[in-house]
Amino acid sequence: MATKRLINFRIILRIIGWLLMIEAGFMIFPIIATIIYEEHDFEAFSITAVVTFLVGILLTFGLRPKRKDMGKREGFLLTALVWVVFSIFGMIPFMIGDLQLGLSDAFFESMSGFTTTGASVMEGVEHLSHGILLWRCLMQWIGGLGIILFTLAVIPMLNHSGGMQMFNAEVTGITRDKIRPRVSQTAKGLWGVYLTLTVLMVGFLWIGPMDIFDSICHSLSSVSTGGFSTRNESIGAWHSIYIKSIVTIFMFLGGINFVLIYKAAHGDFKSLWKNDTFVLFLKMIGFAYVCFVIAIVINEQVFSWESVTIDPLFQIISTITSTGLTAHNFENWGAFSIAILVVLMFFGGCAGSTSGGAKVDRALYLLQNSRNEIKRCLHPNAMMSVRINGRVIPPDLVSKVTAFLCLYVMTIAAGGSLLTIFDIPLADAFFSSFSCVCNSGLGADVTGYGETYAQIPDVGKWILSFLMLIGRLEIFTILVLFTPTFWKK
């Protein structure tokens, strides 16, 4: 008879301690920025870094777990807690610095950063200190590929104590592809690709009209598909085709499965072009582009050649990768364009990328399974299966995808319904819920409620913060914590 075991809380807290010390280390960068630009937020970041580091030391070395093993339950609980704890300590500079944000606004902004949602309560960003601007973008970069995944890369010992459970609980998608035998090696490989793309983008932007600070910030937020900017007009502030082109390319790369990018970087381009999900990703972008060009022409919004080339392509890729950067007033392109953007927001990029949304992989499963069900109406005894990349997909995995998509829609509906209780207009409530679950962050200005989420009541901000977390960890990791079975021995 199997031995019943309790959740190993001490090992969870100890790993969180390691993570907090890492978060404190990242705070050195905004501290350096405040020193260079001689800003008052130096004190806020310094205090936060010290407090975060001390709490990390206390949890890491003050607790002695009786056992070091981790099971699935510990993996789920740790993954959920890490994102909340990081957001709690990450919001402190917003509260004690020059911004003086309230608790609800600060937590919302922090959670939005780490989940790469990009929703903001800031009425404008150009008045913010360089330290705050860098920290906002750095939060998105940390959360882009995953906090746990970064930890597995820098703390190899976790490979032996539940690394696979944490990897499965955080990495987005249906299946978790490993590029190396060990989880820590896979994490290092993926973060190597991530870091390389970021450095390359900084270089490309810097040789254009952007200065080094803006180049770093926009590289952090674009490769992570987060969308925070240093300018109120976002990328449109530079009026540069070159800047928009570079950002478009790297947002697109951020929306691809990083395992495929890793393989392509090592000469295996066949894995990229023979991947059904990647091909569908390209087809969706191509189809949306044709629709956008038609809409732009019909609505008489053609003012130059870039109006029908880079502008629609930029907005499409920014939306499907859940980045949320804007370079043009796309509301003028007509309701049809907005409808296309909503569909792109829902499905998002590829699994294993930094994008939000339900993922293109699940769209592929859904399309093939729906096609089979239609055929069964005429041939009820026919044996048909879902085939992805030449492999037959087990029926239980197809059922899991269907369940996920149902829960995804139900979560958006539940979030939108809750927001209406607090006198938020119906359209704005559901769009805000939709945007946060998809980790897209497109503002409520799409429906006319306001340019930022500052107008949302405090309770609504906590609801939306929770929705961001659910969307980033793809529902199951969070919802399983609310089942009685999870907490039983």
Protein backbone atom coordinates (compact mmCIF):
# COMPACT_ATOMS: atom_id res chain seq x y z
CA MET A 1 0.00 0.00 0.00
CA ALA A 2 1.39 3.41 -1.02
CA THR A 3 2.49 5.72 1.79
CA LYS A 4 0.45 8.90 2.09
CA ARG A 5 2.65 11.95 2.12
CA LEU A 6 2.19 15.57 3.12
CA ILE A 7 3.11 18.50 0.89
CA ASN A 8 6.76 19.35 1.46
CA PHE A 9 6.28 23.02 2.36
CA ARG A 10 9.82 23.51 3.64
CA ILE A 11 11.47 22.64 0.33
CA ILE A 12 9.00 24.95 -1.43
CA LEU A 13 9.87 27.86 0.84
CA ARG A 14 13.58 27.12 0.54
CA ILE A 15 13.45 27.27 -3.26
CA ILE A 16 11.42 30.49 -3.04
CA GLY A 17 14.29 31.83 -0.93
CA TRP A 18 16.75 31.07 -3.71
CA LEU A 19 14.44 32.80 -6.17
CA LEU A 20 14.12 35.92 -4.03
CA MET A 21 17.90 36.26 -3.91
CA ILE A 22 17.91 36.04 -7.70
CA GLU A 23 15.19 38.71 -7.90
CA ALA A 24 17.27 40.94 -5.59
CA GLY A 25 20.19 40.44 -7.97
CA PHE A 26 18.12 41.67 -10.91
CA MET A 27 17.31 44.84 -8.96
CA ILE A 28 20.96 45.86 -9.27
CA PHE A 29 20.24 46.98 -12.86
CA PRO A 30 17.60 49.63 -12.01
CA ILE A 31 19.83 50.72 -9.10
CA ILE A 32 22.64 51.33 -11.62
CA ALA A 33 20.20 53.25 -13.85
CA THR A 34 19.19 55.52 -10.96
CA ILE A 35 22.87 56.19 -10.20
CA ILE A 36 23.71 57.03 -13.83
CA TYR A 37 20.73 59.37 -14.19
CA GLU A 38 21.00 60.68 -10.59
CA GLU A 39 17.42 59.86 -9.60
CA HIS A 40 15.72 59.66 -6.20
CA ASP A 41 14.43 56.11 -6.80
CA PHE A 42 17.93 54.86 -5.94
CA GLU A 43 16.87 54.60 -2.30
CA ALA A 44 13.62 52.76 -3.12
CA PHE A 45 15.38 50.11 -5.19
CA SER A 46 18.25 49.75 -2.73
CA ILE A 47 15.90 49.16 0.20
CA THR A 48 13.81 46.71 -1.84
CA ALA A 49 16.88 44.79 -3.01
CA VAL A 50 18.25 44.47 0.53
CA VAL A 51 14.90 43.40 2.02
CA THR A 52 14.30 40.89 -0.78
CA PHE A 53 17.81 39.44 -0.43
CA LEU A 54 17.55 39.13 3.37
CA VAL A 55 14.18 37.38 3.17
CA GLY A 56 15.67 35.06 0.55
CA ILE A 57 18.63 34.22 2.82
CA LEU A 58 16.28 33.60 5.76
CA LEU A 59 14.10 31.18 3.79
CA THR A 60 17.03 29.40 2.13
CA PHE A 61 19.30 28.86 5.09
CA GLY A 62 16.84 29.15 7.96
CA LEU A 63 14.77 26.15 6.92
CA ARG A 64 16.01 22.57 6.99
CA PRO A 65 13.66 20.30 5.04
CA LYS A 66 13.46 16.73 6.34
CA ARG A 67 13.32 15.50 2.77
CA LYS A 68 14.43 17.14 -0.50
CA ASP A 69 12.11 15.38 -2.91
CA MET A 70 9.35 17.16 -4.78
CA GLY A 71 6.27 15.65 -6.37
CA LYS A 72 3.63 17.03 -8.70
CA ARG A 73 1.79 18.83 -5.91
CA GLU A 74 4.91 20.67 -4.78
CA GLY A 75 5.64 21.57 -8.41
CA PHE A 76 2.20 23.12 -8.93
CA LEU A 77 2.20 24.96 -5.59
CA LEU A 78 5.73 26.29 -5.97
CA THR A 79 5.11 27.52 -9.50
CA ALA A 80 1.97 29.41 -8.48
CA LEU A 81 3.54 30.87 -5.34
CA VAL A 82 6.70 32.07 -7.09
CA TRP A 83 4.80 34.36 -9.45
CA VAL A 84 2.82 35.86 -6.56
CA VAL A 85 5.89 36.28 -4.32
CA PHE A 86 7.93 37.86 -7.14
CA SER A 87 5.08 40.29 -7.80
CA ILE A 88 4.82 41.20 -4.10
CA PHE A 89 8.51 42.08 -3.77
CA GLY A 90 8.63 43.54 -7.28
CA MET A 91 5.89 46.05 -6.46
CA ILE A 92 7.74 47.61 -3.50
CA PRO A 93 9.68 50.21 -5.59
CA PHE A 94 6.37 51.38 -7.06
CA MET A 95 5.06 52.03 -3.55
CA ILE A 96 8.04 53.56 -1.71
CA GLY A 97 9.63 55.39 -4.64
CA ASP A 98 8.61 58.63 -6.31
CA LEU A 99 5.51 57.00 -7.83
CA GLN A 100 3.86 56.33 -4.45
CA LEU A 101 1.35 53.89 -5.94
CA GLY A 102 -1.26 52.29 -3.70
CA LEU A 103 -1.18 48.57 -2.91
CA SER A 104 -3.73 47.56 -5.57
CA ASP A 105 -2.12 49.61 -8.36
CA ALA A 106 1.40 48.49 -7.45
CA PHE A 107 0.52 44.78 -7.34
CA PHE A 108 -1.43 45.05 -10.60
CA GLU A 109 1.52 46.72 -12.34
CA SER A 110 3.96 44.16 -10.96
CA MET A 111 1.84 41.12 -11.84
CA SER A 112 1.25 42.61 -15.29
CA GLY A 113 5.00 42.90 -15.72
CA PHE A 114 6.01 39.41 -14.61
CA THR A 115 3.18 37.73 -16.56
CA THR A 116 4.16 39.83 -19.63
CA THR A 117 0.58 41.06 -19.92
CA GLY A 118 1.57 44.68 -20.40
CA ALA A 119 -1.61 46.15 -18.91
CA SER A 120 -0.82 49.30 -16.96
CA VAL A 121 -2.33 51.74 -14.49
CA MET A 122 0.14 54.44 -15.54
CA GLU A 123 -1.50 57.50 -17.10
CA GLY A 124 1.80 58.20 -18.84
CA VAL A 125 5.31 56.76 -18.65
CA GLU A 126 7.59 59.54 -19.83
CA HIS A 127 7.57 61.16 -16.37
CA LEU A 128 8.79 57.94 -14.71
CA SER A 129 12.38 57.57 -13.55
CA HIS A 130 14.82 55.52 -15.63
CA GLY A 131 15.02 53.04 -12.77
CA ILE A 132 11.26 52.41 -12.81
CA LEU A 133 11.15 52.23 -16.62
CA LEU A 134 13.96 49.67 -16.68
CA TRP A 135 12.44 47.62 -13.84
CA ARG A 136 9.06 47.44 -15.62
CA CYS A 137 10.71 46.06 -18.76
CA LEU A 138 13.08 43.84 -16.79
CA MET A 139 10.13 42.26 -14.98
CA GLN A 140 8.67 41.30 -18.32
CA TRP A 141 11.97 39.85 -19.48
CA ILE A 142 12.30 37.77 -16.29
CA GLY A 143 8.77 36.43 -16.66
CA GLY A 144 8.87 36.02 -20.43
CA LEU A 145 10.46 32.60 -20.65
CA GLY A 146 9.55 31.73 -17.08
CA ILE A 147 10.85 32.38 -13.57
CA ILE A 148 11.05 28.67 -12.77
CA LEU A 149 12.80 27.92 -16.05
CA PHE A 150 15.46 30.51 -15.20
CA THR A 151 15.89 28.96 -11.77
CA LEU A 152 16.36 25.49 -13.25
CA ALA A 153 19.09 26.97 -15.47
CA VAL A 154 21.05 28.63 -12.66
CA ILE A 155 20.40 26.11 -9.85
CA PRO A 156 21.17 22.69 -11.43
CA MET A 157 20.59 20.86 -8.12
CA LEU A 158 16.84 21.29 -8.67
CA ASN A 159 17.17 18.80 -11.51
CA HIS A 160 17.22 16.11 -8.82
CA SER A 161 14.45 17.49 -6.63
CA GLY A 162 11.34 18.02 -8.71
CA GLY A 163 12.81 19.95 -11.63
CA MET A 164 10.62 18.12 -14.15
CA GLN A 165 7.48 18.81 -12.10
CA MET A 166 8.26 22.55 -12.02
CA PHE A 167 9.18 22.53 -15.71
CA ASN A 168 5.83 20.94 -16.64
CA ALA A 169 3.85 23.26 -14.37
CA GLU A 170 5.27 26.47 -15.86
CA VAL A 171 6.26 25.94 -19.50
CA THR A 172 3.33 26.76 -21.77
CA GLY A 173 1.81 24.36 -24.23
CA ILE A 174 0.44 20.87 -24.71
CA THR A 175 3.69 18.93 -24.70
CA ARG A 176 7.00 19.95 -23.14
CA ASP A 177 9.82 19.41 -25.62
CA LYS A 178 13.25 18.78 -24.16
CA ILE A 179 16.31 19.65 -26.22
CA ARG A 180 18.74 18.02 -23.77
CA PRO A 181 18.48 14.93 -21.54
CA ARG A 182 18.44 16.90 -18.27
CA VAL A 183 15.87 19.56 -17.41
CA SER A 184 18.59 22.00 -16.27
CA GLN A 185 20.41 21.57 -19.60
CA THR A 186 17.18 22.24 -21.50
CA ALA A 187 16.58 25.36 -19.38
CA LYS A 188 20.11 26.62 -20.07
CA GLY A 189 19.69 26.03 -23.80
CA LEU A 190 16.38 27.90 -23.97
CA TRP A 191 17.66 30.81 -21.86
CA GLY A 192 20.76 30.94 -24.04
CA VAL A 193 18.53 31.49 -27.09
CA TYR A 194 16.47 34.05 -25.15
CA LEU A 195 19.51 36.03 -24.03
CA THR A 196 21.07 35.92 -27.50
CA LEU A 197 17.92 37.30 -29.14
CA THR A 198 17.75 40.08 -26.55
CA VAL A 199 21.38 41.13 -27.04
CA LEU A 200 20.99 41.08 -30.83
CA MET A 201 17.90 43.25 -30.65
CA VAL A 202 19.64 45.78 -28.40
CA GLY A 203 22.41 46.07 -31.00
CA PHE A 204 20.03 46.48 -33.95
CA LEU A 205 17.92 49.13 -32.19
CA TRP A 206 20.96 51.04 -30.93
CA ILE A 207 22.33 51.59 -34.44
CA GLY A 208 18.98 53.19 -35.32
CA PRO A 209 17.41 56.34 -33.88
CA MET A 210 17.03 54.87 -30.36
CA ASP A 211 19.52 55.61 -27.60
CA ILE A 212 21.05 52.77 -25.56
CA PHE A 213 18.55 53.00 -22.68
CA ASP A 214 15.46 52.86 -24.92
CA SER A 215 17.09 50.07 -26.95
CA ILE A 216 17.60 47.96 -23.84
CA CYS A 217 14.10 48.56 -22.50
CA HIS A 218 12.32 47.82 -25.77
CA SER A 219 14.46 44.74 -26.38
CA LEU A 220 13.54 43.38 -22.95
CA SER A 221 9.83 44.00 -23.52
CA SER A 222 9.71 42.90 -27.18
CA VAL A 223 11.58 39.57 -27.01
CA SER A 224 9.52 38.73 -23.91
CA THR A 225 6.39 39.86 -25.83
CA GLY A 226 5.46 41.98 -22.83
CA GLY A 227 4.82 45.36 -24.43
CA PHE A 228 5.91 47.93 -21.84
CA SER A 229 7.46 51.00 -23.45
CA THR A 230 9.41 54.07 -22.34
CA ARG A 231 7.22 56.41 -24.38
CA ASN A 232 3.54 57.32 -24.16
CA GLU A 233 3.17 56.73 -27.92
CA SER A 234 4.97 53.39 -27.68
CA ILE A 235 6.99 52.54 -30.82
CA GLY A 236 5.10 55.19 -32.78
CA ALA A 237 7.05 57.90 -30.91
CA TRP A 238 10.08 57.36 -33.15
CA HIS A 239 8.24 57.53 -36.49
CA SER A 240 10.83 55.11 -37.83
CA ILE A 241 10.21 52.34 -40.32
CA TYR A 242 13.53 50.80 -39.30
CA ILE A 243 12.54 50.62 -35.62
CA LYS A 244 9.13 49.14 -36.43
CA SER A 245 10.73 46.55 -38.73
CA ILE A 246 13.27 45.42 -36.13
CA VAL A 247 10.65 45.23 -33.37
CA THR A 248 8.31 43.28 -35.68
CA ILE A 249 10.99 40.69 -36.44
CA PHE A 250 11.88 40.08 -32.80
CA MET A 251 8.26 40.01 -31.64
CA PHE A 252 7.70 37.35 -34.31
CA LEU A 253 10.68 35.35 -33.01
CA GLY A 254 9.31 35.71 -29.48
CA GLY A 255 6.09 34.05 -30.66
CA ILE A 256 7.83 30.91 -31.95
CA ASN A 257 8.54 27.83 -29.86
CA PHE A 258 12.05 28.43 -28.50
CA VAL A 259 12.90 24.76 -28.97
CA LEU A 260 12.44 25.25 -32.73
CA ILE A 261 14.61 28.39 -32.65
CA TYR A 262 17.27 26.45 -30.72
CA LYS A 263 17.24 23.67 -33.32
CA ALA A 264 17.33 26.14 -36.22
CA ALA A 265 20.27 27.94 -34.59
CA HIS A 266 22.09 24.60 -34.54
CA GLY A 267 21.42 23.97 -38.24
CA ASP A 268 18.21 21.95 -37.99
CA PHE A 269 15.92 24.09 -40.16
CA LYS A 270 13.81 21.10 -41.18
CA SER A 271 12.30 20.95 -37.69
CA LEU A 272 11.07 24.50 -38.20
CA TRP A 273 9.53 24.17 -41.65
CA LYS A 274 8.06 20.73 -41.03
CA ASN A 275 6.38 21.82 -37.81
CA ASP A 276 2.61 22.00 -38.37
CA THR A 277 2.12 24.58 -35.64
CA PHE A 278 4.72 26.96 -37.07
CA VAL A 279 3.20 26.62 -40.54
CA LEU A 280 -0.27 27.43 -39.15
CA PHE A 281 1.24 30.38 -37.27
CA LEU A 282 2.55 31.77 -40.57
CA LYS A 283 -0.78 31.13 -42.32
CA MET A 284 -2.71 32.96 -39.60
CA ILE A 285 -0.42 35.98 -39.91
CA GLY A 286 -0.68 35.89 -43.71
CA PHE A 287 -4.48 35.62 -43.68
CA ALA A 288 -4.81 38.44 -41.13
CA TYR A 289 -2.47 40.62 -43.19
CA VAL A 290 -4.61 40.25 -46.34
CA CYS A 291 -7.76 41.07 -44.32
CA PHE A 292 -6.10 44.12 -42.77
CA VAL A 293 -4.93 45.52 -46.10
CA ILE A 294 -8.46 45.19 -47.50
CA ALA A 295 -9.91 46.90 -44.40
CA ILE A 296 -7.36 49.71 -44.53
CA VAL A 297 -8.12 50.39 -48.19
CA ILE A 298 -11.90 50.27 -47.65
CA ASN A 299 -11.68 52.66 -44.69
CA GLU A 300 -9.46 55.04 -46.70
CA GLN A 301 -6.54 54.82 -44.30
CA VAL A 302 -3.83 54.51 -46.96
CA PHE A 303 -1.50 57.49 -46.46
CA SER A 304 1.79 55.96 -47.60
CA TRP A 305 3.26 52.61 -48.67
CA GLU A 306 3.92 51.67 -45.03
CA SER A 307 0.18 52.03 -44.31
CA VAL A 308 -0.39 48.76 -46.16
CA THR A 309 2.93 47.05 -45.41
CA ILE A 310 4.76 47.48 -42.12
CA ASP A 311 1.90 49.07 -40.10
CA PRO A 312 -0.63 46.21 -40.44
CA LEU A 313 2.10 43.57 -40.14
CA PHE A 314 3.44 45.22 -36.99
CA GLN A 315 -0.01 45.33 -35.38
CA ILE A 316 -0.84 41.74 -36.36
CA ILE A 317 2.37 40.30 -34.94
CA SER A 318 2.17 42.52 -31.86
CA THR A 319 -1.34 41.17 -31.21
CA ILE A 320 -0.87 37.48 -32.01
CA THR A 321 2.26 37.35 -29.86
CA SER A 322 0.36 39.18 -27.07
CA THR A 323 3.01 41.93 -27.00
CA GLY A 324 0.54 44.80 -27.17
CA LEU A 325 2.91 47.42 -28.59
CA THR A 326 1.23 49.87 -30.95
CA ALA A 327 2.60 51.99 -33.78
CA HIS A 328 -0.57 53.29 -35.37
CA ASN A 329 -4.13 54.19 -34.38
CA PHE A 330 -5.51 50.85 -35.53
CA GLU A 331 -9.04 51.66 -34.29
CA ASN A 332 -9.45 53.68 -37.52
CA TRP A 333 -9.05 50.52 -39.59
CA GLY A 334 -12.65 49.52 -38.93
CA ALA A 335 -14.57 47.04 -36.77
CA PHE A 336 -13.54 44.11 -38.97
CA SER A 337 -9.89 44.69 -38.12
CA ILE A 338 -10.72 44.78 -34.40
CA ALA A 339 -12.57 41.48 -34.77
CA ILE A 340 -9.53 39.88 -36.42
CA LEU A 341 -7.31 41.20 -33.62
CA VAL A 342 -9.62 39.63 -31.02
CA VAL A 343 -9.27 36.23 -32.69
CA LEU A 344 -5.48 36.64 -32.83
CA MET A 345 -5.43 37.65 -29.15
CA PHE A 346 -7.36 34.55 -28.19
CA PHE A 347 -5.06 32.02 -29.83
CA GLY A 348 -1.77 33.89 -29.34
CA GLY A 349 1.60 32.50 -30.40
CA CYS A 350 3.12 29.02 -30.36
CA ALA A 351 3.48 26.86 -27.27
CA GLY A 352 6.94 27.08 -25.73
CA SER A 353 7.23 30.76 -26.71
CA THR A 354 6.97 33.88 -24.57
CA SER A 355 3.51 34.65 -25.99
CA GLY A 356 0.19 34.51 -24.19
CA GLY A 357 -3.15 33.27 -25.49
CA ALA A 358 -4.54 29.77 -25.81
CA LYS A 359 -1.71 28.96 -28.27
CA VAL A 360 -1.72 28.13 -31.97
CA ASP A 361 -0.97 24.47 -31.13
CA ARG A 362 -4.39 24.10 -29.54
CA ALA A 363 -6.01 25.83 -32.51
CA LEU A 364 -4.45 23.13 -34.71
CA TYR A 365 -5.82 20.35 -32.50
CA LEU A 366 -9.22 22.03 -32.46
CA LEU A 367 -9.35 22.42 -36.25
CA GLN A 368 -8.38 18.83 -36.96
CA ASN A 369 -10.70 17.37 -34.35
CA SER A 370 -13.61 19.54 -35.53
CA ARG A 371 -12.99 18.42 -39.12
CA ASN A 372 -13.07 14.77 -38.00
CA GLU A 373 -16.34 15.28 -36.11
CA ILE A 374 -17.96 16.84 -39.19
CA LYS A 375 -16.86 13.86 -41.28
CA ARG A 376 -18.28 11.47 -38.67
CA CYS A 377 -21.72 12.98 -39.29
CA LEU A 378 -21.62 11.28 -42.70
CA HIS A 379 -19.42 8.31 -41.76
CA PRO A 380 -20.16 7.47 -38.12
CA ASN A 381 -18.09 4.26 -38.17
CA ALA A 382 -15.01 5.79 -39.76
CA MET A 383 -11.77 5.64 -37.76
CA MET A 384 -10.19 9.08 -37.82
CA SER A 385 -7.43 10.56 -35.70
CA VAL A 386 -5.75 13.88 -35.09
CA ARG A 387 -2.28 13.89 -36.65
CA ILE A 388 0.27 16.58 -35.80
CA ASN A 389 3.75 16.58 -37.33
CA GLY A 390 3.09 13.13 -38.79
CA ARG A 391 2.23 11.57 -35.42
CA VAL A 392 -1.14 10.33 -34.21
CA ILE A 393 -2.23 12.26 -31.12
CA PRO A 394 -3.73 10.16 -28.29
CA PRO A 395 -7.48 10.80 -27.74
CA ASP A 396 -6.89 11.72 -24.08
CA LEU A 397 -4.60 14.59 -25.14
CA VAL A 398 -7.21 15.84 -27.61
CA SER A 399 -9.78 15.72 -24.79
CA LYS A 400 -7.42 17.70 -22.56
CA VAL A 401 -7.07 20.40 -25.23
CA THR A 402 -10.85 20.60 -25.59
CA ALA A 403 -11.25 20.87 -21.81
CA PHE A 404 -8.58 23.57 -21.67
CA LEU A 405 -10.28 25.69 -24.32
CA CYS A 406 -13.64 25.34 -22.54
CA LEU A 407 -12.08 26.38 -19.21
CA TYR A 408 -10.28 29.22 -20.96
CA VAL A 409 -13.54 30.67 -22.29
CA MET A 410 -15.31 30.05 -18.97
CA THR A 411 -12.52 31.88 -17.09
CA ILE A 412 -12.85 34.90 -19.37
CA ALA A 413 -16.64 34.88 -18.95
CA ALA A 414 -16.41 34.50 -15.16
CA GLY A 415 -13.87 37.33 -14.92
CA GLY A 416 -15.94 39.63 -17.08
CA SER A 417 -19.10 38.86 -15.10
CA LEU A 418 -17.36 39.59 -11.78
CA LEU A 419 -16.11 42.94 -13.07
CA THR A 420 -19.63 44.07 -14.00
CA ILE A 421 -20.56 43.82 -10.30
CA PHE A 422 -18.31 46.84 -9.70
CA ASP A 423 -20.13 49.06 -12.21
CA ILE A 424 -17.68 48.50 -15.05
CA PRO A 425 -19.52 48.68 -18.40
CA LEU A 426 -20.27 45.27 -19.91
CA ALA A 427 -18.07 45.58 -23.00
CA ASP A 428 -15.14 46.95 -21.02
CA ALA A 429 -15.45 44.32 -18.30
CA PHE A 430 -15.36 41.42 -20.73
CA PHE A 431 -12.64 42.94 -22.90
CA SER A 432 -10.46 43.62 -19.86
CA SER A 433 -10.97 40.05 -18.64
CA PHE A 434 -10.25 38.70 -22.11
CA SER A 435 -7.11 40.83 -22.48
CA CYS A 436 -5.70 39.81 -19.08
CA VAL A 437 -6.38 36.08 -19.44
CA CYS A 438 -4.73 36.19 -22.87
CA ASN A 439 -1.83 38.19 -21.35
CA SER A 440 -2.20 40.67 -24.18
CA GLY A 441 -2.64 43.86 -22.19
CA LEU A 442 -4.37 45.88 -24.89
CA GLY A 443 -5.96 48.69 -22.93
CA ALA A 444 -9.58 49.41 -22.26
CA ASP A 445 -9.25 52.27 -24.75
CA VAL A 446 -10.27 49.77 -27.43
CA THR A 447 -13.81 49.98 -26.06
CA GLY A 448 -13.55 53.63 -25.00
CA TYR A 449 -13.52 53.09 -21.23
CA GLY A 450 -10.14 54.73 -20.75
CA GLU A 451 -6.56 54.70 -21.96
CA THR A 452 -5.25 52.67 -18.99
CA TYR A 453 -6.54 50.34 -16.29
CA ALA A 454 -6.35 53.14 -13.71
CA GLN A 455 -10.14 53.61 -13.97
CA ILE A 456 -10.78 50.03 -12.82
CA PRO A 457 -11.79 49.88 -9.12
CA ASP A 458 -9.27 48.33 -6.72
CA VAL A 459 -11.23 45.09 -6.36
CA GLY A 460 -11.35 44.84 -10.13
CA LYS A 461 -7.56 45.20 -10.31
CA TRP A 462 -7.11 42.26 -7.92
CA ILE A 463 -9.49 40.18 -10.06
CA LEU A 464 -7.60 41.10 -13.21
CA SER A 465 -4.26 40.34 -11.52
CA PHE A 466 -5.56 36.87 -10.69
CA LEU A 467 -6.72 36.43 -14.29
CA MET A 468 -3.25 37.39 -15.55
CA LEU A 469 -1.73 34.69 -13.35
CA ILE A 470 -4.26 32.09 -14.51
CA GLY A 471 -3.57 32.98 -18.15
CA ARG A 472 0.23 32.91 -17.76
CA LEU A 473 0.25 29.52 -16.04
CA GLU A 474 -2.42 28.18 -18.40
CA ILE A 475 -5.32 27.59 -16.03
CA PHE A 476 -4.69 24.02 -14.82
CA THR A 477 -1.68 24.95 -12.67
CA ILE A 478 -3.82 27.45 -10.73
CA LEU A 479 -7.25 25.77 -10.74
CA VAL A 480 -5.83 22.48 -9.44
CA LEU A 481 -4.91 24.33 -6.22
CA PHE A 482 -8.61 24.93 -5.55
CA THR A 483 -9.54 21.25 -5.61
CA PRO A 484 -9.96 19.44 -2.24
CA THR A 485 -8.02 16.46 -3.62
CA PHE A 486 -4.86 18.54 -4.01
CA TRP A 487 -4.63 19.24 -0.28
CA LYS A 488 -5.41 15.74 0.93
CA LYS A 489 -2.61 13.42 2.01
